[in-house]
Amino acid sequence: MEFEKVKVYTRDEYKGAQEPVAFVWRGRRYEVAEILDRWYEGRLDSTRFPLSYFKVRTGEGELHILRYHEFFRAWGIRVPRESG
């Protein structure tokens, strides 16, 4: 999976990996209508960085996966594969 940096707004801005409520990607703002799923990686393995994932549906009905990298305090969005 390829991820691209994205600006994410959360319920509590002072804590990085709180529930996303909106994000700006490629110059466009998306409102999160629903969090469909969430999962975590690396929390029990000291050799891996902790990552938090959120599968969201936007107000327009688009599905996206957002990832929060706790070590770098950075958000990313999964870039859809191009068909062909």
C-alpha atoms as a PDB file:
ATOM      1  CA  MET A   1       0.000   0.000   0.000  1.00  0.00           C
ATOM      2  CA  GLU A   2       1.197   3.466  -0.843  1.00  0.00           C
ATOM      3  CA  PHE A   3       0.408   6.376   1.465  1.00  0.00           C
ATOM      4  CA  GLU A   4       0.596  10.108   0.825  1.00  0.00           C
ATOM      5  CA  LYS A   5       0.881  12.846   3.446  1.00  0.00           C
ATOM      6  CA  VAL A   6      -2.459  14.414   4.354  1.00  0.00           C
ATOM      7  CA  LYS A   7      -3.692  17.069   6.806  1.00  0.00           C
ATOM      8  CA  VAL A   8      -6.228  15.552   9.200  1.00  0.00           C
ATOM      9  CA  TYR A   9      -8.472  17.344  11.667  1.00  0.00           C
ATOM     10  CA  THR A  10      -9.462  15.325  14.730  1.00  0.00           C
ATOM     11  CA  ARG A  11     -11.966  15.624  17.564  1.00  0.00           C
ATOM     12  CA  ASP A  12      -9.230  16.594  20.023  1.00  0.00           C
ATOM     13  CA  GLU A  13      -6.436  18.437  18.221  1.00  0.00           C
ATOM     14  CA  TYR A  14      -4.023  18.120  21.150  1.00  0.00           C
ATOM     15  CA  LYS A  15      -3.940  14.298  20.816  1.00  0.00           C
ATOM     16  CA  GLY A  16      -2.720  13.111  17.418  1.00  0.00           C
ATOM     17  CA  ALA A  17      -4.565   9.866  16.731  1.00  0.00           C
ATOM     18  CA  GLN A  18      -8.038  10.823  17.860  1.00  0.00           C
ATOM     19  CA  GLU A  19     -11.000  10.188  15.574  1.00  0.00           C
ATOM     20  CA  PRO A  20     -10.671  12.084  12.292  1.00  0.00           C
ATOM     21  CA  VAL A  21     -13.513  14.490  11.490  1.00  0.00           C
ATOM     22  CA  ALA A  22     -12.112  15.991   8.261  1.00  0.00           C
ATOM     23  CA  PHE A  23      -9.031  15.920   6.064  1.00  0.00           C
ATOM     24  CA  VAL A  24      -7.457  17.929   3.255  1.00  0.00           C
ATOM     25  CA  TRP A  25      -5.994  15.911   0.405  1.00  0.00           C
ATOM     26  CA  ARG A  26      -4.672  17.303  -2.866  1.00  0.00           C
ATOM     27  CA  GLY A  27      -6.148  20.717  -2.143  1.00  0.00           C
ATOM     28  CA  ARG A  28      -9.665  19.516  -1.352  1.00  0.00           C
ATOM     29  CA  ARG A  29     -11.352  19.273   2.052  1.00  0.00           C
ATOM     30  CA  TYR A  30     -13.330  16.126   2.892  1.00  0.00           C
ATOM     31  CA  GLU A  31     -15.689  15.813   5.851  1.00  0.00           C
ATOM     32  CA  VAL A  32     -15.740  12.414   7.543  1.00  0.00           C
ATOM     33  CA  ALA A  33     -19.349  11.245   7.708  1.00  0.00           C
ATOM     34  CA  GLU A  34     -18.602   7.882   9.317  1.00  0.00           C
ATOM     35  CA  ILE A  35     -15.732   5.823  10.673  1.00  0.00           C
ATOM     36  CA  LEU A  36     -16.360   2.342   9.312  1.00  0.00           C
ATOM     37  CA  ASP A  37     -13.428   0.542  10.921  1.00  0.00           C
ATOM     38  CA  ARG A  38     -10.240   1.122  12.891  1.00  0.00           C
ATOM     39  CA  TRP A  39      -7.242  -1.048  13.655  1.00  0.00           C
ATOM     40  CA  TYR A  40      -3.729  -0.817  15.032  1.00  0.00           C
ATOM     41  CA  GLU A  41      -0.289  -2.223  14.209  1.00  0.00           C
ATOM     42  CA  GLY A  42       2.966  -2.419  16.113  1.00  0.00           C
ATOM     43  CA  ARG A  43       1.753  -1.736  19.634  1.00  0.00           C
ATOM     44  CA  LEU A  44       2.845  -5.104  21.022  1.00  0.00           C
ATOM     45  CA  ASP A  45       6.012  -5.434  18.944  1.00  0.00           C
ATOM     46  CA  SER A  46       8.897  -3.240  20.096  1.00  0.00           C
ATOM     47  CA  THR A  47      10.623  -3.594  16.704  1.00  0.00           C
ATOM     48  CA  ARG A  48       7.776  -1.844  14.852  1.00  0.00           C
ATOM     49  CA  PHE A  49       6.405   1.682  14.935  1.00  0.00           C
ATOM     50  CA  PRO A  50       2.849   2.048  16.286  1.00  0.00           C
ATOM     51  CA  LEU A  51       0.357   2.856  13.515  1.00  0.00           C
ATOM     52  CA  SER A  52      -3.360   3.601  13.791  1.00  0.00           C
ATOM     53  CA  TYR A  53      -5.675   3.112  10.798  1.00  0.00           C
ATOM     54  CA  PHE A  54      -9.158   4.493  10.160  1.00  0.00           C
ATOM     55  CA  LYS A  55     -11.422   3.428   7.300  1.00  0.00           C
ATOM     56  CA  VAL A  56     -13.746   6.376   6.685  1.00  0.00           C
ATOM     57  CA  ARG A  57     -16.650   7.353   4.468  1.00  0.00           C
ATOM     58  CA  THR A  58     -16.778  10.995   3.400  1.00  0.00           C
ATOM     59  CA  GLY A  59     -19.901  13.107   3.101  1.00  0.00           C
ATOM     60  CA  GLU A  60     -19.791  12.420  -0.651  1.00  0.00           C
ATOM     61  CA  GLY A  61     -19.760   8.662  -0.034  1.00  0.00           C
ATOM     62  CA  GLU A  62     -16.084   8.087  -0.918  1.00  0.00           C
ATOM     63  CA  LEU A  63     -14.133   5.475   1.082  1.00  0.00           C
ATOM     64  CA  HIS A  64     -10.613   6.233   2.286  1.00  0.00           C
ATOM     65  CA  ILE A  65      -8.052   4.741   4.666  1.00  0.00           C
ATOM     66  CA  LEU A  66      -6.235   7.190   6.912  1.00  0.00           C
ATOM     67  CA  ARG A  67      -3.123   6.170   8.858  1.00  0.00           C
ATOM     68  CA  TYR A  68      -1.521   7.885  11.846  1.00  0.00           C
ATOM     69  CA  HIS A  69       2.187   7.233  12.448  1.00  0.00           C
ATOM     70  CA  GLU A  70       2.694   7.794  16.170  1.00  0.00           C
ATOM     71  CA  PHE A  71       6.496   8.120  16.091  1.00  0.00           C
ATOM     72  CA  PHE A  72       6.488  10.889  13.472  1.00  0.00           C
ATOM     73  CA  ARG A  73       3.088  12.285  14.513  1.00  0.00           C
ATOM     74  CA  ALA A  74       2.079  12.284  10.866  1.00  0.00           C
ATOM     75  CA  TRP A  75      -1.069  11.360   8.968  1.00  0.00           C
ATOM     76  CA  GLY A  76      -1.208   9.623   5.599  1.00  0.00           C
ATOM     77  CA  ILE A  77      -3.929   8.559   3.196  1.00  0.00           C
ATOM     78  CA  ARG A  78      -3.863   5.379   1.157  1.00  0.00           C
ATOM     79  CA  VAL A  79      -3.464   6.270  -2.485  1.00  0.00           C
ATOM     80  CA  PRO A  80      -5.857   4.302  -4.700  1.00  0.00           C
ATOM     81  CA  ARG A  81      -4.206   2.157  -7.335  1.00  0.00           C
ATOM     82  CA  GLU A  82      -4.612   3.332 -10.885  1.00  0.00           C
ATOM     83  CA  SER A  83      -6.390   0.801 -13.051  1.00  0.00           C
ATOM     84  CA  GLY A  84      -4.584  -0.441 -16.142  1.00  0.00           C
END
